[in-house]
């Protein structure tokens, strides 16, 4: 199994876990429709399938397009990644600011 296949499976696990956490945190029962699956147990089953390296069922699943902001926030909180995400955002902001400054300097120089 390649690293890309493992990463893909991990994304499925994170997606299902985050959706299930969001469902449970909103006070809903495992037997209720989650908005993405028939019930919470479907999410648990998906996690089990994706985690089983001998099972190839998840190879046929559609790729996860993206997580909405609320789900991403839930994932980062649930997995203790808030500090990492804030650092990443700060680094990106610094890079954006430096790029904007370089563009301004080039414009001034070219006048």
PDB file of N, CA and C in Angstrom:
ATOM      1  N   UNK A   1       0.853  -1.175   0.000  1.00  0.00           N
ATOM      2  CA  UNK A   1       0.000   0.000   0.000  1.00  0.00           C
ATOM      3  C   UNK A   1       0.900   1.240   0.000  1.00  0.00           C
ATOM      4  N   UNK A   2       0.575   2.182  -0.874  1.00  0.00           N
ATOM      5  CA  UNK A   2       1.385   3.395  -0.987  1.00  0.00           C
ATOM      6  C   UNK A   2       1.026   4.398   0.112  1.00  0.00           C
ATOM      7  N   UNK A   3       1.904   5.374   0.297  1.00  0.00           N
ATOM      8  CA  UNK A   3       1.617   6.434   1.271  1.00  0.00           C
ATOM      9  C   UNK A   3       0.373   7.213   0.867  1.00  0.00           C
ATOM     10  N   UNK A   4       0.174   7.415  -0.428  1.00  0.00           N
ATOM     11  CA  UNK A   4      -1.010   8.139  -0.900  1.00  0.00           C
ATOM     12  C   UNK A   4      -2.292   7.380  -0.552  1.00  0.00           C
ATOM     13  N   UNK A   5      -2.272   6.058  -0.680  1.00  0.00           N
ATOM     14  CA  UNK A   5      -3.446   5.266  -0.320  1.00  0.00           C
ATOM     15  C   UNK A   5      -3.714   5.348   1.186  1.00  0.00           C
ATOM     16  N   UNK A   6      -2.654   5.332   1.973  1.00  0.00           N
ATOM     17  CA  UNK A   6      -2.819   5.435   3.428  1.00  0.00           C
ATOM     18  C   UNK A   6      -3.355   6.816   3.796  1.00  0.00           C
ATOM     19  N   UNK A   7      -2.809   7.877   3.183  1.00  0.00           N
ATOM     20  CA  UNK A   7      -3.302   9.236   3.444  1.00  0.00           C
ATOM     21  C   UNK A   7      -4.781   9.346   3.076  1.00  0.00           C
ATOM     22  N   UNK A   8      -5.158   8.748   1.946  1.00  0.00           N
ATOM     23  CA  UNK A   8      -6.551   8.793   1.505  1.00  0.00           C
ATOM     24  C   UNK A   8      -7.454   8.130   2.541  1.00  0.00           C
ATOM     25  N   UNK A   9      -7.032   6.982   3.038  1.00  0.00           N
ATOM     26  CA  UNK A   9      -7.812   6.286   4.070  1.00  0.00           C
ATOM     27  C   UNK A   9      -7.900   7.126   5.347  1.00  0.00           C
ATOM     28  N   UNK A  10      -6.803   7.761   5.723  1.00  0.00           N
ATOM     29  CA  UNK A  10      -6.816   8.609   6.918  1.00  0.00           C
ATOM     30  C   UNK A  10      -7.782   9.774   6.752  1.00  0.00           C
ATOM     31  N   UNK A  11      -7.849  10.334   5.547  1.00  0.00           N
ATOM     32  CA  UNK A  11      -8.805  11.417   5.311  1.00  0.00           C
ATOM     33  C   UNK A  11     -10.244  10.929   5.461  1.00  0.00           C
ATOM     34  N   UNK A  12     -10.522   9.713   4.996  1.00  0.00           N
ATOM     35  CA  UNK A  12     -11.860   9.141   5.191  1.00  0.00           C
ATOM     36  C   UNK A  12     -12.148   8.986   6.683  1.00  0.00           C
ATOM     37  N   UNK A  13     -11.170   8.492   7.427  1.00  0.00           N
ATOM     38  CA  UNK A  13     -11.357   8.286   8.864  1.00  0.00           C
ATOM     39  C   UNK A  13     -11.598   9.618   9.564  1.00  0.00           C
ATOM     40  N   UNK A  14     -10.789  10.621   9.247  1.00  0.00           N
ATOM     41  CA  UNK A  14     -10.941  11.943   9.861  1.00  0.00           C
ATOM     42  C   UNK A  14     -12.296  12.545   9.506  1.00  0.00           C
ATOM     43  N   UNK A  15     -12.698  12.414   8.249  1.00  0.00           N
ATOM     44  CA  UNK A  15     -13.972  12.972   7.812  1.00  0.00           C
ATOM     45  C   UNK A  15     -15.130  12.320   8.565  1.00  0.00           C
ATOM     46  N   UNK A  16     -15.157  10.985   8.599  1.00  0.00           N
ATOM     47  CA  UNK A  16     -16.246  10.299   9.300  1.00  0.00           C
ATOM     48  C   UNK A  16     -16.221  10.586  10.792  1.00  0.00           C
ATOM     49  N   UNK A  17     -15.030  10.584  11.393  1.00  0.00           N
ATOM     50  CA  UNK A  17     -14.927  10.853  12.834  1.00  0.00           C
ATOM     51  C   UNK A  17     -15.393  12.265  13.158  1.00  0.00           C
ATOM     52  N   UNK A  18     -15.002  13.233  12.337  1.00  0.00           N
ATOM     53  CA  UNK A  18     -15.389  14.623  12.623  1.00  0.00           C
ATOM     54  C   UNK A  18     -16.892  14.821  12.458  1.00  0.00           C
ATOM     55  N   UNK A  19     -17.463  14.187  11.438  1.00  0.00           N
ATOM     56  CA  UNK A  19     -18.915  14.310  11.245  1.00  0.00           C
ATOM     57  C   UNK A  19     -19.675  13.643  12.384  1.00  0.00           C
ATOM     58  N   UNK A  20     -19.177  12.511  12.844  1.00  0.00           N
ATOM     59  CA  UNK A  20     -19.821  11.825  13.960  1.00  0.00           C
ATOM     60  C   UNK A  20     -19.671  12.634  15.247  1.00  0.00           C
ATOM     61  N   UNK A  21     -18.493  13.200  15.483  1.00  0.00           N
ATOM     62  CA  UNK A  21     -18.304  14.049  16.670  1.00  0.00           C
ATOM     63  C   UNK A  21     -19.243  15.246  16.647  1.00  0.00           C
ATOM     64  N   UNK A  22     -19.365  15.882  15.501  1.00  0.00           N
ATOM     65  CA  UNK A  22     -20.258  17.027  15.365  1.00  0.00           C
ATOM     66  C   UNK A  22     -21.701  16.613  15.653  1.00  0.00           C
ATOM     67  N   UNK A  23     -22.090  15.471  15.137  1.00  0.00           N
ATOM     68  CA  UNK A  23     -23.438  14.932  15.351  1.00  0.00           C
ATOM     69  C   UNK A  23     -23.689  14.692  16.843  1.00  0.00           C
ATOM     70  N   UNK A  24     -22.743  14.044  17.503  1.00  0.00           N
ATOM     71  CA  UNK A  24     -22.906  13.734  18.926  1.00  0.00           C
ATOM     72  C   UNK A  24     -22.837  14.986  19.787  1.00  0.00           C
ATOM     73  N   UNK A  25     -21.942  15.932  19.435  1.00  0.00           N
ATOM     74  CA  UNK A  25     -21.838  17.170  20.205  1.00  0.00           C
ATOM     75  C   UNK A  25     -23.104  18.018  20.111  1.00  0.00           C
ATOM     76  N   UNK A  26     -23.880  17.814  19.052  1.00  0.00           N
ATOM     77  CA  UNK A  26     -25.131  18.566  18.923  1.00  0.00           C
ATOM     78  C   UNK A  26     -26.267  17.877  19.683  1.00  0.00           C
ATOM     79  N   UNK A  27     -25.932  16.796  20.422  1.00  0.00           N
ATOM     80  CA  UNK A  27     -26.910  16.134  21.279  1.00  0.00           C
ATOM     81  C   UNK A  27     -27.756  15.084  20.585  1.00  0.00           C
ATOM     82  N   UNK A  28     -27.373  14.705  19.391  1.00  0.00           N
ATOM     83  CA  UNK A  28     -28.153  13.713  18.647  1.00  0.00           C
ATOM     84  C   UNK A  28     -27.703  12.306  18.994  1.00  0.00           C
ATOM     85  N   UNK A  29     -28.614  11.362  18.758  1.00  0.00           N
ATOM     86  CA  UNK A  29     -28.382   9.958  19.075  1.00  0.00           C
ATOM     87  C   UNK A  29     -27.685   9.246  17.922  1.00  0.00           C
ATOM     88  N   UNK A  30     -26.977   8.159  18.225  1.00  0.00           N
ATOM     89  CA  UNK A  30     -26.276   7.375  17.204  1.00  0.00           C
ATOM     90  C   UNK A  30     -27.233   6.821  16.152  1.00  0.00           C
ATOM     91  N   UNK A  31     -28.486   6.600  16.511  1.00  0.00           N
ATOM     92  CA  UNK A  31     -29.440   6.003  15.568  1.00  0.00           C
ATOM     93  C   UNK A  31     -30.082   7.040  14.640  1.00  0.00           C
ATOM     94  N   UNK A  32     -29.791   8.332  14.862  1.00  0.00           N
ATOM     95  CA  UNK A  32     -30.370   9.392  14.035  1.00  0.00           C
ATOM     96  C   UNK A  32     -29.537   9.652  12.779  1.00  0.00           C
ATOM     97  N   UNK A  33     -30.237  10.136  11.750  1.00  0.00           N
ATOM     98  CA  UNK A  33     -29.584  10.566  10.513  1.00  0.00           C
ATOM     99  C   UNK A  33     -28.591  11.672  10.847  1.00  0.00           C
ATOM    100  N   UNK A  34     -27.372  11.597  10.307  1.00  0.00           N
ATOM    101  CA  UNK A  34     -26.329  12.559  10.655  1.00  0.00           C
ATOM    102  C   UNK A  34     -26.227  13.727   9.686  1.00  0.00           C
ATOM    103  N   UNK A  35     -26.955  13.657   8.597  1.00  0.00           N
ATOM    104  CA  UNK A  35     -26.829  14.670   7.563  1.00  0.00           C
ATOM    105  C   UNK A  35     -25.904  14.191   6.454  1.00  0.00           C
ATOM    106  N   UNK A  36     -25.127  13.154   6.744  1.00  0.00           N
ATOM    107  CA  UNK A  36     -24.194  12.593   5.763  1.00  0.00           C
ATOM    108  C   UNK A  36     -24.332  11.087   5.643  1.00  0.00           C
ATOM    109  N   UNK A  37     -24.930  10.446   6.653  1.00  0.00           N
ATOM    110  CA  UNK A  37     -25.096   8.992   6.658  1.00  0.00           C
ATOM    111  C   UNK A  37     -26.428   8.659   7.333  1.00  0.00           C
ATOM    112  N   UNK A  38     -26.891   7.422   7.110  1.00  0.00           N
ATOM    113  CA  UNK A  38     -28.161   6.993   7.694  1.00  0.00           C
ATOM    114  C   UNK A  38     -28.180   7.127   9.208  1.00  0.00           C
ATOM    115  N   UNK A  39     -27.033   6.871   9.837  1.00  0.00           N
ATOM    116  CA  UNK A  39     -26.931   6.986  11.295  1.00  0.00           C
ATOM    117  C   UNK A  39     -25.460   7.048  11.700  1.00  0.00           C
ATOM    118  N   UNK A  40     -25.229   7.250  12.988  1.00  0.00           N
ATOM    119  CA  UNK A  40     -23.865   7.340  13.486  1.00  0.00           C
ATOM    120  C   UNK A  40     -23.093   6.043  13.327  1.00  0.00           C
ATOM    121  N   UNK A  41     -23.807   4.937  13.370  1.00  0.00           N
ATOM    122  CA  UNK A  41     -23.146   3.644  13.241  1.00  0.00           C
ATOM    123  C   UNK A  41     -22.528   3.467  11.849  1.00  0.00           C
ATOM    124  N   UNK A  42     -23.116   4.100  10.845  1.00  0.00           N
ATOM    125  CA  UNK A  42     -22.557   4.038   9.490  1.00  0.00           C
ATOM    126  C   UNK A  42     -21.175   4.693   9.471  1.00  0.00           C
ATOM    127  N   UNK A  43     -21.039   5.807  10.182  1.00  0.00           N
ATOM    128  CA  UNK A  43     -19.735   6.469  10.269  1.00  0.00           C
ATOM    129  C   UNK A  43     -18.717   5.546  10.949  1.00  0.00           C
ATOM    130  N   UNK A  44     -19.128   4.885  12.025  1.00  0.00           N
ATOM    131  CA  UNK A  44     -18.217   3.959  12.708  1.00  0.00           C
ATOM    132  C   UNK A  44     -17.809   2.809  11.792  1.00  0.00           C
ATOM    133  N   UNK A  45     -18.765   2.311  11.027  1.00  0.00           N
ATOM    134  CA  UNK A  45     -18.477   1.231  10.081  1.00  0.00           C
ATOM    135  C   UNK A  45     -17.487   1.697   9.009  1.00  0.00           C
ATOM    136  N   UNK A  46     -17.700   2.916   8.502  1.00  0.00           N
ATOM    137  CA  UNK A  46     -16.779   3.466   7.492  1.00  0.00           C
ATOM    138  C   UNK A  46     -15.361   3.590   8.048  1.00  0.00           C
ATOM    139  N   UNK A  47     -15.257   4.025   9.301  1.00  0.00           N
ATOM    140  CA  UNK A  47     -13.952   4.160   9.946  1.00  0.00           C
ATOM    141  C   UNK A  47     -13.276   2.794  10.045  1.00  0.00           C
ATOM    142  N   UNK A  48     -14.043   1.795  10.447  1.00  0.00           N
ATOM    143  CA  UNK A  48     -13.505   0.439  10.580  1.00  0.00           C
ATOM    144  C   UNK A  48     -13.020  -0.089   9.225  1.00  0.00           C
ATOM    145  N   UNK A  49     -13.795   0.140   8.183  1.00  0.00           N
ATOM    146  CA  UNK A  49     -13.422  -0.323   6.838  1.00  0.00           C
ATOM    147  C   UNK A  49     -12.148   0.377   6.373  1.00  0.00           C
ATOM    148  N   UNK A  50     -12.084   1.700   6.542  1.00  0.00           N
ATOM    149  CA  UNK A  50     -10.914   2.460   6.088  1.00  0.00           C
ATOM    150  C   UNK A  50      -9.662   2.090   6.873  1.00  0.00           C
ATOM    151  N   UNK A  51      -9.821   1.723   8.139  1.00  0.00           N
ATOM    152  CA  UNK A  51      -8.671   1.379   8.977  1.00  0.00           C
ATOM    153  C   UNK A  51      -8.157  -0.035   8.731  1.00  0.00           C
ATOM    154  N   UNK A  52      -8.978  -0.877   8.135  1.00  0.00           N
ATOM    155  CA  UNK A  52      -8.584  -2.270   7.867  1.00  0.00           C
ATOM    156  C   UNK A  52      -7.789  -2.322   6.567  1.00  0.00           C
ATOM    157  N   UNK A  53      -6.480  -2.467   6.672  1.00  0.00           N
ATOM    158  CA  UNK A  53      -5.612  -2.446   5.494  1.00  0.00           C
ATOM    159  C   UNK A  53      -5.827  -3.643   4.584  1.00  0.00           C
ATOM    160  N   UNK A  54      -6.488  -4.675   5.073  1.00  0.00           N
ATOM    161  CA  UNK A  54      -6.797  -5.847   4.256  1.00  0.00           C
ATOM    162  C   UNK A  54      -8.073  -5.645   3.439  1.00  0.00           C
ATOM    163  N   UNK A  55      -8.912  -4.698   3.849  1.00  0.00           N
ATOM    164  CA  UNK A  55     -10.191  -4.430   3.180  1.00  0.00           C
ATOM    165  C   UNK A  55      -9.969  -3.417   2.059  1.00  0.00           C
ATOM    166  N   UNK A  56     -10.433  -3.719   0.870  1.00  0.00           N
ATOM    167  CA  UNK A  56     -10.234  -2.833  -0.285  1.00  0.00           C
ATOM    168  C   UNK A  56     -11.486  -2.030  -0.638  1.00  0.00           C
ATOM    169  N   UNK A  57     -12.547  -2.157   0.156  1.00  0.00           N
ATOM    170  CA  UNK A  57     -13.801  -1.459  -0.155  1.00  0.00           C
ATOM    171  C   UNK A  57     -13.605   0.057  -0.280  1.00  0.00           C
ATOM    172  N   UNK A  58     -12.794   0.645   0.605  1.00  0.00           N
ATOM    173  CA  UNK A  58     -12.627   2.104   0.586  1.00  0.00           C
ATOM    174  C   UNK A  58     -11.894   2.590  -0.665  1.00  0.00           C
ATOM    175  N   UNK A  59     -11.219   1.683  -1.384  1.00  0.00           N
ATOM    176  CA  UNK A  59     -10.551   2.068  -2.624  1.00  0.00           C
ATOM    177  C   UNK A  59     -11.546   2.570  -3.672  1.00  0.00           C
ATOM    178  N   UNK A  60     -12.800   2.114  -3.568  1.00  0.00           N
ATOM    179  CA  UNK A  60     -13.827   2.499  -4.534  1.00  0.00           C
ATOM    180  C   UNK A  60     -14.616   3.738  -4.100  1.00  0.00           C
ATOM    181  N   UNK A  61     -14.387   4.220  -2.880  1.00  0.00           N
ATOM    182  CA  UNK A  61     -15.117   5.388  -2.389  1.00  0.00           C
ATOM    183  C   UNK A  61     -14.674   6.640  -3.127  1.00  0.00           C
ATOM    184  N   UNK A  62     -15.607   7.570  -3.261  1.00  0.00           N
ATOM    185  CA  UNK A  62     -15.284   8.861  -3.874  1.00  0.00           C
ATOM    186  C   UNK A  62     -14.345   9.628  -2.952  1.00  0.00           C
ATOM    187  N   UNK A  63     -13.473  10.435  -3.553  1.00  0.00           N
ATOM    188  CA  UNK A  63     -12.576  11.262  -2.752  1.00  0.00           C
ATOM    189  C   UNK A  63     -13.370  12.301  -1.980  1.00  0.00           C
ATOM    190  N   UNK A  64     -12.840  12.694  -0.849  1.00  0.00           N
ATOM    191  CA  UNK A  64     -13.438  13.754  -0.041  1.00  0.00           C
ATOM    192  C   UNK A  64     -13.091  15.071  -0.719  1.00  0.00           C
ATOM    193  N   UNK A  65     -14.101  15.870  -1.019  1.00  0.00           N
ATOM    194  CA  UNK A  65     -13.862  17.137  -1.712  1.00  0.00           C
ATOM    195  C   UNK A  65     -13.203  18.148  -0.793  1.00  0.00           C
ATOM    196  N   UNK A  66     -13.851  18.458   0.296  1.00  0.00           N
ATOM    197  CA  UNK A  66     -13.281  19.385   1.275  1.00  0.00           C
ATOM    198  C   UNK A  66     -14.158  19.387   2.510  1.00  0.00           C
ATOM    199  N   UNK A  67     -13.586  19.844   3.595  1.00  0.00           N
ATOM    200  CA  UNK A  67     -14.343  19.973   4.827  1.00  0.00           C
ATOM    201  C   UNK A  67     -14.746  21.424   4.993  1.00  0.00           C
ATOM    202  N   UNK A  68     -15.962  21.636   5.478  1.00  0.00           N
ATOM    203  CA  UNK A  68     -16.374  23.006   5.740  1.00  0.00           C
ATOM    204  C   UNK A  68     -15.631  23.525   6.971  1.00  0.00           C
ATOM    205  N   UNK A  69     -15.694  24.821   7.184  1.00  0.00           N
ATOM    206  CA  UNK A  69     -14.957  25.456   8.270  1.00  0.00           C
ATOM    207  C   UNK A  69     -15.313  24.904   9.637  1.00  0.00           C
ATOM    208  N   UNK A  70     -16.604  24.642   9.854  1.00  0.00           N
ATOM    209  CA  UNK A  70     -17.054  24.139  11.151  1.00  0.00           C
ATOM    210  C   UNK A  70     -16.478  22.745  11.412  1.00  0.00           C
ATOM    211  N   UNK A  71     -16.482  21.905  10.382  1.00  0.00           N
ATOM    212  CA  UNK A  71     -15.945  20.557  10.531  1.00  0.00           C
ATOM    213  C   UNK A  71     -14.441  20.609  10.762  1.00  0.00           C
ATOM    214  N   UNK A  72     -13.738  21.478  10.020  1.00  0.00           N
ATOM    215  CA  UNK A  72     -12.292  21.604  10.195  1.00  0.00           C
ATOM    216  C   UNK A  72     -11.964  22.071  11.610  1.00  0.00           C
ATOM    217  N   UNK A  73     -12.755  23.014  12.138  1.00  0.00           N
ATOM    218  CA  UNK A  73     -12.533  23.498  13.507  1.00  0.00           C
ATOM    219  C   UNK A  73     -12.728  22.362  14.500  1.00  0.00           C
ATOM    220  N   UNK A  74     -13.763  21.553  14.276  1.00  0.00           N
ATOM    221  CA  UNK A  74     -14.032  20.415  15.152  1.00  0.00           C
ATOM    222  C   UNK A  74     -12.875  19.424  15.110  1.00  0.00           C
ATOM    223  N   UNK A  75     -12.371  19.144  13.916  1.00  0.00           N
ATOM    224  CA  UNK A  75     -11.252  18.207  13.773  1.00  0.00           C
ATOM    225  C   UNK A  75     -10.017  18.727  14.490  1.00  0.00           C
ATOM    226  N   UNK A  76      -9.703  20.003  14.288  1.00  0.00           N
ATOM    227  CA  UNK A  76      -8.499  20.544  14.915  1.00  0.00           C
ATOM    228  C   UNK A  76      -8.615  20.541  16.441  1.00  0.00           C
ATOM    229  N   UNK A  77      -9.823  20.833  16.952  1.00  0.00           N
ATOM    230  CA  UNK A  77     -10.014  20.781  18.404  1.00  0.00           C
ATOM    231  C   UNK A  77      -9.932  19.348  18.912  1.00  0.00           C
ATOM    232  N   UNK A  78     -10.603  18.444  18.220  1.00  0.00           N
ATOM    233  CA  UNK A  78     -10.687  17.053  18.667  1.00  0.00           C
ATOM    234  C   UNK A  78      -9.331  16.374  18.667  1.00  0.00           C
ATOM    235  N   UNK A  79      -8.484  16.723  17.745  1.00  0.00           N
ATOM    236  CA  UNK A  79      -7.194  16.067  17.644  1.00  0.00           C
ATOM    237  C   UNK A  79      -6.059  16.937  18.183  1.00  0.00           C
ATOM    238  N   UNK A  80      -6.401  17.994  18.943  1.00  0.00           N
ATOM    239  CA  UNK A  80      -5.397  18.833  19.584  1.00  0.00           C
ATOM    240  C   UNK A  80      -4.479  19.528  18.601  1.00  0.00           C
ATOM    241  N   UNK A  81      -5.024  19.942  17.470  1.00  0.00           N
ATOM    242  CA  UNK A  81      -4.211  20.528  16.424  1.00  0.00           C
ATOM    243  C   UNK A  81      -4.401  22.039  16.316  1.00  0.00           C
ATOM    244  N   UNK A  82      -5.082  22.660  17.285  1.00  0.00           N
ATOM    245  CA  UNK A  82      -5.357  24.095  17.205  1.00  0.00           C
ATOM    246  C   UNK A  82      -4.078  24.915  17.059  1.00  0.00           C
ATOM    247  N   UNK A  83      -3.091  24.588  17.903  1.00  0.00           N
ATOM    248  CA  UNK A  83      -1.843  25.356  17.883  1.00  0.00           C
ATOM    249  C   UNK A  83      -1.130  25.204  16.535  1.00  0.00           C
ATOM    250  N   UNK A  84      -1.120  23.988  15.987  1.00  0.00           N
ATOM    251  CA  UNK A  84      -0.497  23.761  14.681  1.00  0.00           C
ATOM    252  C   UNK A  84      -1.205  24.570  13.596  1.00  0.00           C
ATOM    253  N   UNK A  85      -2.530  24.577  13.634  1.00  0.00           N
ATOM    254  CA  UNK A  85      -3.296  25.306  12.620  1.00  0.00           C
ATOM    255  C   UNK A  85      -3.042  26.806  12.729  1.00  0.00           C
ATOM    256  N   UNK A  86      -2.981  27.320  13.959  1.00  0.00           N
ATOM    257  CA  UNK A  86      -2.713  28.745  14.148  1.00  0.00           C
ATOM    258  C   UNK A  86      -1.321  29.110  13.640  1.00  0.00           C
ATOM    259  N   UNK A  87      -0.336  28.238  13.922  1.00  0.00           N
ATOM    260  CA  UNK A  87       1.016  28.467  13.424  1.00  0.00           C
ATOM    261  C   UNK A  87       1.045  28.473  11.898  1.00  0.00           C
ATOM    262  N   UNK A  88       0.320  27.527  11.296  1.00  0.00           N
ATOM    263  CA  UNK A  88       0.258  27.435   9.833  1.00  0.00           C
ATOM    264  C   UNK A  88      -0.365  28.705   9.251  1.00  0.00           C
ATOM    265  N   UNK A  89      -1.452  29.173   9.860  1.00  0.00           N
ATOM    266  CA  UNK A  89      -2.106  30.396   9.389  1.00  0.00           C
ATOM    267  C   UNK A  89      -1.186  31.602   9.538  1.00  0.00           C
ATOM    268  N   UNK A  90      -0.459  31.675  10.650  1.00  0.00           N
ATOM    269  CA  UNK A  90       0.465  32.787  10.870  1.00  0.00           C
ATOM    270  C   UNK A  90       1.582  32.770   9.837  1.00  0.00           C
ATOM    271  N   UNK A  91       2.129  31.582   9.557  1.00  0.00           N
ATOM    272  CA  UNK A  91       3.183  31.467   8.541  1.00  0.00           C
ATOM    273  C   UNK A  91       2.665  31.881   7.176  1.00  0.00           C
ATOM    274  N   UNK A  92       1.450  31.432   6.843  1.00  0.00           N
ATOM    275  CA  UNK A  92       0.862  31.786   5.552  1.00  0.00           C
ATOM    276  C   UNK A  92       0.651  33.286   5.473  1.00  0.00           C
ATOM    277  N   UNK A  93       0.188  33.874   6.562  1.00  0.00           N
ATOM    278  CA  UNK A  93      -0.033  35.317   6.599  1.00  0.00           C
ATOM    279  C   UNK A  93       1.278  36.062   6.396  1.00  0.00           C
ATOM    280  N   UNK A  94       2.346  35.603   7.073  1.00  0.00           N
ATOM    281  CA  UNK A  94       3.663  36.227   6.910  1.00  0.00           C
ATOM    282  C   UNK A  94       4.140  36.133   5.464  1.00  0.00           C
ATOM    283  N   UNK A  95       3.951  34.956   4.848  1.00  0.00           N
ATOM    284  CA  UNK A  95       4.359  34.771   3.454  1.00  0.00           C
ATOM    285  C   UNK A  95       3.564  35.701   2.539  1.00  0.00           C
ATOM    286  N   UNK A  96       2.261  35.815   2.796  1.00  0.00           N
ATOM    287  CA  UNK A  96       1.412  36.700   1.984  1.00  0.00           C
ATOM    288  C   UNK A  96       1.849  38.152   2.140  1.00  0.00           C
ATOM    289  N   UNK A  97       2.140  38.556   3.387  1.00  0.00           N
ATOM    290  CA  UNK A  97       2.581  39.934   3.638  1.00  0.00           C
ATOM    291  C   UNK A  97       3.901  40.228   2.951  1.00  0.00           C
ATOM    292  N   UNK A  98       4.848  39.283   3.009  1.00  0.00           N
ATOM    293  CA  UNK A  98       6.137  39.464   2.345  1.00  0.00           C
ATOM    294  C   UNK A  98       5.968  39.561   0.831  1.00  0.00           C
ATOM    295  N   UNK A  99       5.093  38.736   0.279  1.00  0.00           N
ATOM    296  CA  UNK A  99       4.852  38.771  -1.165  1.00  0.00           C
ATOM    297  C   UNK A  99       4.234  40.111  -1.565  1.00  0.00           C
ATOM    298  N   UNK A 100       3.291  40.604  -0.761  1.00  0.00           N
ATOM    299  CA  UNK A 100       2.657  41.885  -1.057  1.00  0.00           C
ATOM    300  C   UNK A 100       3.684  43.017  -0.974  1.00  0.00           C
ATOM    301  N   UNK A 101       4.547  42.963   0.025  1.00  0.00           N
ATOM    302  CA  UNK A 101       5.592  43.971   0.177  1.00  0.00           C
ATOM    303  C   UNK A 101       6.559  43.938  -1.009  1.00  0.00           C
ATOM    304  N   UNK A 102       6.947  42.756  -1.445  1.00  0.00           N
ATOM    305  CA  UNK A 102       7.840  42.619  -2.600  1.00  0.00           C
ATOM    306  C   UNK A 102       7.185  43.183  -3.853  1.00  0.00           C
ATOM    307  N   UNK A 103       5.900  42.948  -4.023  1.00  0.00           N
ATOM    308  CA  UNK A 103       5.174  43.494  -5.182  1.00  0.00           C
ATOM    309  C   UNK A 103       5.151  45.016  -5.142  1.00  0.00           C
ATOM    310  N   UNK A 104       4.892  45.574  -3.956  1.00  0.00           N
ATOM    311  CA  UNK A 104       4.873  47.031  -3.816  1.00  0.00           C
ATOM    312  C   UNK A 104       6.241  47.619  -4.139  1.00  0.00           C
ATOM    313  N   UNK A 105       7.295  46.968  -3.647  1.00  0.00           N
ATOM    314  CA  UNK A 105       8.648  47.469  -3.900  1.00  0.00           C
ATOM    315  C   UNK A 105       8.976  47.406  -5.394  1.00  0.00           C
ATOM    316  N   UNK A 106       8.553  46.330  -6.054  1.00  0.00           N
ATOM    317  CA  UNK A 106       8.774  46.221  -7.502  1.00  0.00           C
ATOM    318  C   UNK A 106       8.028  47.294  -8.272  1.00  0.00           C
ATOM    319  N   UNK A 107       6.807  47.600  -7.840  1.00  0.00           N
ATOM    320  CA  UNK A 107       6.018  48.650  -8.505  1.00  0.00           C
ATOM    321  C   UNK A 107       6.693  50.008  -8.345  1.00  0.00           C
ATOM    322  N   UNK A 108       7.188  50.296  -7.129  1.00  0.00           N
ATOM    323  CA  UNK A 108       7.876  51.565  -6.871  1.00  0.00           C
ATOM    324  C   UNK A 108       9.146  51.643  -7.723  1.00  0.00           C
ATOM    325  N   UNK A 109       9.889  50.546  -7.775  1.00  0.00           N
ATOM    326  CA  UNK A 109      11.132  50.500  -8.524  1.00  0.00           C
ATOM    327  C   UNK A 109      10.884  50.679 -10.039  1.00  0.00           C
ATOM    328  N   UNK A 110       9.766  50.163 -10.521  1.00  0.00           N
ATOM    329  CA  UNK A 110       9.459  50.221 -11.953  1.00  0.00           C
ATOM    330  C   UNK A 110       8.822  51.541 -12.388  1.00  0.00           C
ATOM    331  N   UNK A 111       8.537  52.435 -11.451  1.00  0.00           N
ATOM    332  CA  UNK A 111       7.926  53.726 -11.799  1.00  0.00           C
ATOM    333  C   UNK A 111       8.933  54.691 -12.349  1.00  0.00           C
TER     334      UNK A 111
END
